Amino acid sequence: MKQYFLGIFTAIKSLLTGMGETWKELWTKKVTQEYPENRKTTLFVADRWRAVLTMPHDENNEHACTACGICQSNCPNGTIQVISKMIETEDGKKKKILDAYLYDLGSCTFCNLCTLTCPSDAITFSNNFENAVYNRENLKEQLNKEGSKLREKKKPEGVLC
């Protein structure tokens, strides 16, 4: 009989403890982000969030990708495809340039290996997280813009070459 009442009192104590925690939580400041209502006003996305691979271009439609293919070889599941072509420069030398930089967001694991190993820092991850589409083909895109070219390296001042 003693065990019976002890079990009842233990259950009531446990219930009151849980209700106390619920009561305290009722009055604390809420941290829930109302989405999509506040997507432009107070929604905070951390800078380290990786969502979409991008290739920044400057105002002259120039990028820093040298088409070396290191990002493609380091991608664990073939998300990146670097297509290059050989051209002949004015002085008769052959040079490899970027023809198309293809990226498939649908198979990306966001491991960041491509951006970490890029020697020219030509690609970065943006933190745009709204990537839902109805068709997987819409997740494939070409990162280099139409008519873009390689940004020429500036020679340091005072160096004669």
C-alpha atoms as a PDB file:
ATOM      1  CA  MET A   1       0.000   0.000   0.000  1.00  0.00           C
ATOM      2  CA  LYS A   2       2.887   2.317   0.826  1.00  0.00           C
ATOM      3  CA  GLN A   3       4.413   1.741  -2.650  1.00  0.00           C
ATOM      4  CA  TYR A   4       1.092   2.593  -4.275  1.00  0.00           C
ATOM      5  CA  PHE A   5       0.849   6.041  -2.646  1.00  0.00           C
ATOM      6  CA  LEU A   6       4.569   6.665  -3.149  1.00  0.00           C
ATOM      7  CA  GLY A   7       4.073   6.048  -6.886  1.00  0.00           C
ATOM      8  CA  ILE A   8       1.146   8.496  -6.970  1.00  0.00           C
ATOM      9  CA  PHE A   9       3.145  11.215  -5.177  1.00  0.00           C
ATOM     10  CA  THR A  10       6.144  10.663  -7.484  1.00  0.00           C
ATOM     11  CA  ALA A  11       3.882  11.009 -10.522  1.00  0.00           C
ATOM     12  CA  ILE A  12       2.309  14.226  -9.157  1.00  0.00           C
ATOM     13  CA  LYS A  13       5.767  15.662  -8.375  1.00  0.00           C
ATOM     14  CA  SER A  14       6.929  14.851 -11.929  1.00  0.00           C
ATOM     15  CA  LEU A  15       3.774  16.411 -13.397  1.00  0.00           C
ATOM     16  CA  LEU A  16       4.215  19.619 -11.376  1.00  0.00           C
ATOM     17  CA  THR A  17       7.892  19.849 -12.377  1.00  0.00           C
ATOM     18  CA  GLY A  18       6.940  19.582 -16.058  1.00  0.00           C
ATOM     19  CA  MET A  19       4.130  22.099 -15.675  1.00  0.00           C
ATOM     20  CA  GLY A  20       6.551  24.500 -13.949  1.00  0.00           C
ATOM     21  CA  GLU A  21       8.975  24.298 -16.863  1.00  0.00           C
ATOM     22  CA  THR A  22       6.106  24.888 -19.289  1.00  0.00           C
ATOM     23  CA  TRP A  23       4.956  27.913 -17.282  1.00  0.00           C
ATOM     24  CA  LYS A  24       8.477  29.406 -17.264  1.00  0.00           C
ATOM     25  CA  GLU A  25       8.829  28.852 -21.035  1.00  0.00           C
ATOM     26  CA  LEU A  26       5.533  30.629 -21.606  1.00  0.00           C
ATOM     27  CA  TRP A  27       7.064  33.906 -20.419  1.00  0.00           C
ATOM     28  CA  THR A  28      10.520  33.727 -22.036  1.00  0.00           C
ATOM     29  CA  LYS A  29      11.345  35.674 -25.202  1.00  0.00           C
ATOM     30  CA  LYS A  30      10.580  33.651 -28.314  1.00  0.00           C
ATOM     31  CA  VAL A  31      13.332  32.971 -30.870  1.00  0.00           C
ATOM     32  CA  THR A  32      11.195  31.367 -33.572  1.00  0.00           C
ATOM     33  CA  GLN A  33      11.641  33.023 -36.956  1.00  0.00           C
ATOM     34  CA  GLU A  34       8.354  33.582 -38.747  1.00  0.00           C
ATOM     35  CA  TYR A  35       8.976  32.421 -42.282  1.00  0.00           C
ATOM     36  CA  PRO A  36       8.071  33.459 -44.996  1.00  0.00           C
ATOM     37  CA  GLU A  37       6.383  36.520 -43.479  1.00  0.00           C
ATOM     38  CA  ASN A  38       9.607  38.185 -42.301  1.00  0.00           C
ATOM     39  CA  ARG A  39      12.060  36.937 -44.910  1.00  0.00           C
ATOM     40  CA  LYS A  40      13.207  40.457 -45.797  1.00  0.00           C
ATOM     41  CA  THR A  41      12.979  42.215 -42.433  1.00  0.00           C
ATOM     42  CA  THR A  42      14.363  40.231 -39.518  1.00  0.00           C
ATOM     43  CA  LEU A  43      15.293  36.823 -40.876  1.00  0.00           C
ATOM     44  CA  PHE A  44      18.906  36.054 -40.003  1.00  0.00           C
ATOM     45  CA  VAL A  45      20.990  33.567 -41.970  1.00  0.00           C
ATOM     46  CA  ALA A  46      24.514  32.920 -40.688  1.00  0.00           C
ATOM     47  CA  ASP A  47      27.385  33.971 -42.955  1.00  0.00           C
ATOM     48  CA  ARG A  48      28.879  30.482 -42.831  1.00  0.00           C
ATOM     49  CA  TRP A  49      25.686  28.929 -44.240  1.00  0.00           C
ATOM     50  CA  ARG A  50      26.426  27.290 -47.608  1.00  0.00           C
ATOM     51  CA  ALA A  51      23.572  27.198 -50.071  1.00  0.00           C
ATOM     52  CA  VAL A  52      24.421  27.962 -53.701  1.00  0.00           C
ATOM     53  CA  LEU A  53      27.767  27.961 -55.482  1.00  0.00           C
ATOM     54  CA  THR A  54      28.392  31.259 -57.282  1.00  0.00           C
ATOM     55  CA  MET A  55      31.081  32.695 -59.524  1.00  0.00           C
ATOM     56  CA  PRO A  56      31.424  36.418 -58.831  1.00  0.00           C
ATOM     57  CA  HIS A  57      31.862  38.658 -61.867  1.00  0.00           C
ATOM     58  CA  ASP A  58      32.993  42.266 -61.733  1.00  0.00           C
ATOM     59  CA  GLU A  59      31.440  45.252 -63.509  1.00  0.00           C
ATOM     60  CA  ASN A  60      33.365  44.375 -66.706  1.00  0.00           C
ATOM     61  CA  ASN A  61      31.844  40.851 -66.789  1.00  0.00           C
ATOM     62  CA  GLU A  62      35.198  39.337 -65.830  1.00  0.00           C
ATOM     63  CA  HIS A  63      35.743  36.380 -63.490  1.00  0.00           C
ATOM     64  CA  ALA A  64      38.788  34.819 -61.825  1.00  0.00           C
ATOM     65  CA  CYS A  65      38.336  31.199 -62.997  1.00  0.00           C
ATOM     66  CA  THR A  66      41.364  29.905 -64.903  1.00  0.00           C
ATOM     67  CA  ALA A  67      39.636  26.604 -65.853  1.00  0.00           C
ATOM     68  CA  CYS A  68      42.259  24.582 -63.974  1.00  0.00           C
ATOM     69  CA  GLY A  69      39.679  21.924 -63.014  1.00  0.00           C
ATOM     70  CA  ILE A  70      40.814  21.479 -59.410  1.00  0.00           C
ATOM     71  CA  CYS A  71      37.291  22.121 -58.122  1.00  0.00           C
ATOM     72  CA  GLN A  72      35.915  19.499 -60.508  1.00  0.00           C
ATOM     73  CA  SER A  73      38.451  16.879 -59.431  1.00  0.00           C
ATOM     74  CA  ASN A  74      37.876  17.559 -55.721  1.00  0.00           C
ATOM     75  CA  CYS A  75      34.073  17.395 -55.947  1.00  0.00           C
ATOM     76  CA  PRO A  76      33.122  14.047 -54.350  1.00  0.00           C
ATOM     77  CA  ASN A  77      30.046  13.393 -56.507  1.00  0.00           C
ATOM     78  CA  GLY A  78      30.601  15.207 -59.797  1.00  0.00           C
ATOM     79  CA  THR A  79      28.482  18.263 -59.120  1.00  0.00           C
ATOM     80  CA  ILE A  80      30.860  20.563 -61.003  1.00  0.00           C
ATOM     81  CA  GLN A  81      31.818  20.299 -64.658  1.00  0.00           C
ATOM     82  CA  VAL A  82      34.475  22.650 -66.026  1.00  0.00           C
ATOM     83  CA  ILE A  83      34.531  22.835 -69.818  1.00  0.00           C
ATOM     84  CA  SER A  84      37.527  24.639 -71.268  1.00  0.00           C
ATOM     85  CA  LYS A  85      38.863  25.378 -74.710  1.00  0.00           C
ATOM     86  CA  MET A  86      42.267  26.229 -76.106  1.00  0.00           C
ATOM     87  CA  ILE A  87      42.809  29.543 -77.852  1.00  0.00           C
ATOM     88  CA  GLU A  88      45.839  31.087 -79.472  1.00  0.00           C
ATOM     89  CA  THR A  89      46.936  34.443 -78.124  1.00  0.00           C
ATOM     90  CA  GLU A  90      48.314  37.360 -80.172  1.00  0.00           C
ATOM     91  CA  ASP A  91      51.895  36.281 -79.509  1.00  0.00           C
ATOM     92  CA  GLY A  92      51.229  32.752 -80.833  1.00  0.00           C
ATOM     93  CA  LYS A  93      50.971  30.943 -77.480  1.00  0.00           C
ATOM     94  CA  LYS A  94      48.193  28.523 -76.682  1.00  0.00           C
ATOM     95  CA  LYS A  95      46.089  29.301 -73.647  1.00  0.00           C
ATOM     96  CA  LYS A  96      43.306  27.396 -71.915  1.00  0.00           C
ATOM     97  CA  ILE A  97      40.223  29.484 -71.121  1.00  0.00           C
ATOM     98  CA  LEU A  98      36.881  28.726 -69.493  1.00  0.00           C
ATOM     99  CA  ASP A  99      34.107  27.872 -71.925  1.00  0.00           C
ATOM    100  CA  ALA A 100      31.386  26.733 -69.493  1.00  0.00           C
ATOM    101  CA  TYR A 101      31.239  26.191 -65.737  1.00  0.00           C
ATOM    102  CA  LEU A 102      28.301  23.880 -65.045  1.00  0.00           C
ATOM    103  CA  TYR A 103      26.939  23.316 -61.524  1.00  0.00           C
ATOM    104  CA  ASP A 104      24.209  20.934 -60.358  1.00  0.00           C
ATOM    105  CA  LEU A 105      22.739  22.117 -57.060  1.00  0.00           C
ATOM    106  CA  GLY A 106      20.583  18.984 -56.826  1.00  0.00           C
ATOM    107  CA  SER A 107      23.572  16.705 -56.284  1.00  0.00           C
ATOM    108  CA  CYS A 108      25.774  19.093 -54.268  1.00  0.00           C
ATOM    109  CA  THR A 109      26.656  17.951 -50.738  1.00  0.00           C
ATOM    110  CA  PHE A 110      27.824  21.471 -49.721  1.00  0.00           C
ATOM    111  CA  CYS A 111      31.136  20.042 -48.523  1.00  0.00           C
ATOM    112  CA  ASN A 112      32.999  23.251 -49.497  1.00  0.00           C
ATOM    113  CA  LEU A 113      35.941  21.330 -50.985  1.00  0.00           C
ATOM    114  CA  CYS A 114      35.612  23.187 -54.287  1.00  0.00           C
ATOM    115  CA  THR A 115      35.934  26.656 -52.773  1.00  0.00           C
ATOM    116  CA  LEU A 116      38.694  25.678 -50.353  1.00  0.00           C
ATOM    117  CA  THR A 117      40.908  24.238 -53.094  1.00  0.00           C
ATOM    118  CA  CYS A 118      40.310  26.902 -55.752  1.00  0.00           C
ATOM    119  CA  PRO A 119      43.710  28.590 -56.243  1.00  0.00           C
ATOM    120  CA  SER A 120      42.210  31.784 -57.660  1.00  0.00           C
ATOM    121  CA  ASP A 121      39.213  32.108 -55.293  1.00  0.00           C
ATOM    122  CA  ALA A 122      36.923  32.186 -58.309  1.00  0.00           C
ATOM    123  CA  ILE A 123      33.932  30.467 -56.667  1.00  0.00           C
ATOM    124  CA  THR A 124      32.138  31.035 -53.376  1.00  0.00           C
ATOM    125  CA  PHE A 125      29.031  29.816 -51.623  1.00  0.00           C
ATOM    126  CA  SER A 126      26.222  32.309 -51.148  1.00  0.00           C
ATOM    127  CA  ASN A 127      23.827  31.973 -48.243  1.00  0.00           C
ATOM    128  CA  ASN A 128      20.641  32.219 -50.289  1.00  0.00           C
ATOM    129  CA  PHE A 129      18.629  29.326 -48.881  1.00  0.00           C
ATOM    130  CA  GLU A 130      15.468  29.481 -51.019  1.00  0.00           C
ATOM    131  CA  ASN A 131      16.263  26.802 -53.588  1.00  0.00           C
ATOM    132  CA  ALA A 132      13.041  24.814 -53.854  1.00  0.00           C
ATOM    133  CA  VAL A 133      11.931  24.031 -57.417  1.00  0.00           C
ATOM    134  CA  TYR A 134       9.395  21.669 -58.967  1.00  0.00           C
ATOM    135  CA  ASN A 135      11.739  20.349 -61.652  1.00  0.00           C
ATOM    136  CA  ARG A 136      15.261  19.028 -60.944  1.00  0.00           C
ATOM    137  CA  GLU A 137      16.485  20.395 -64.258  1.00  0.00           C
ATOM    138  CA  ASN A 138      16.044  23.909 -62.825  1.00  0.00           C
ATOM    139  CA  LEU A 139      18.795  23.113 -60.298  1.00  0.00           C
ATOM    140  CA  LYS A 140      21.412  22.880 -63.055  1.00  0.00           C
ATOM    141  CA  GLU A 141      22.985  26.138 -64.114  1.00  0.00           C
ATOM    142  CA  GLN A 142      25.971  27.681 -65.839  1.00  0.00           C
ATOM    143  CA  LEU A 143      27.909  29.896 -63.444  1.00  0.00           C
ATOM    144  CA  ASN A 144      29.978  31.880 -65.915  1.00  0.00           C
ATOM    145  CA  LYS A 145      27.923  34.586 -67.576  1.00  0.00           C
ATOM    146  CA  GLU A 146      27.495  34.892 -71.321  1.00  0.00           C
ATOM    147  CA  GLY A 147      30.458  36.683 -72.864  1.00  0.00           C
ATOM    148  CA  SER A 148      32.486  36.733 -69.664  1.00  0.00           C
ATOM    149  CA  LYS A 149      36.261  36.458 -69.732  1.00  0.00           C
ATOM    150  CA  LEU A 150      39.169  35.896 -67.385  1.00  0.00           C
ATOM    151  CA  ARG A 151      40.131  38.886 -65.258  1.00  0.00           C
ATOM    152  CA  GLU A 152      43.660  39.947 -66.148  1.00  0.00           C
ATOM    153  CA  LYS A 153      46.105  39.969 -63.252  1.00  0.00           C
ATOM    154  CA  LYS A 154      47.461  43.390 -62.452  1.00  0.00           C
ATOM    155  CA  LYS A 155      51.228  43.653 -62.301  1.00  0.00           C
ATOM    156  CA  PRO A 156      52.554  45.098 -59.042  1.00  0.00           C
ATOM    157  CA  GLU A 157      53.860  48.637 -59.292  1.00  0.00           C
ATOM    158  CA  GLY A 158      57.619  49.004 -59.469  1.00  0.00           C
ATOM    159  CA  VAL A 159      58.174  45.578 -61.071  1.00  0.00           C
ATOM    160  CA  LEU A 160      59.641  45.598 -64.540  1.00  0.00           C
ATOM    161  CA  CYS A 161      58.643  42.668 -66.707  1.00  0.00           C
END
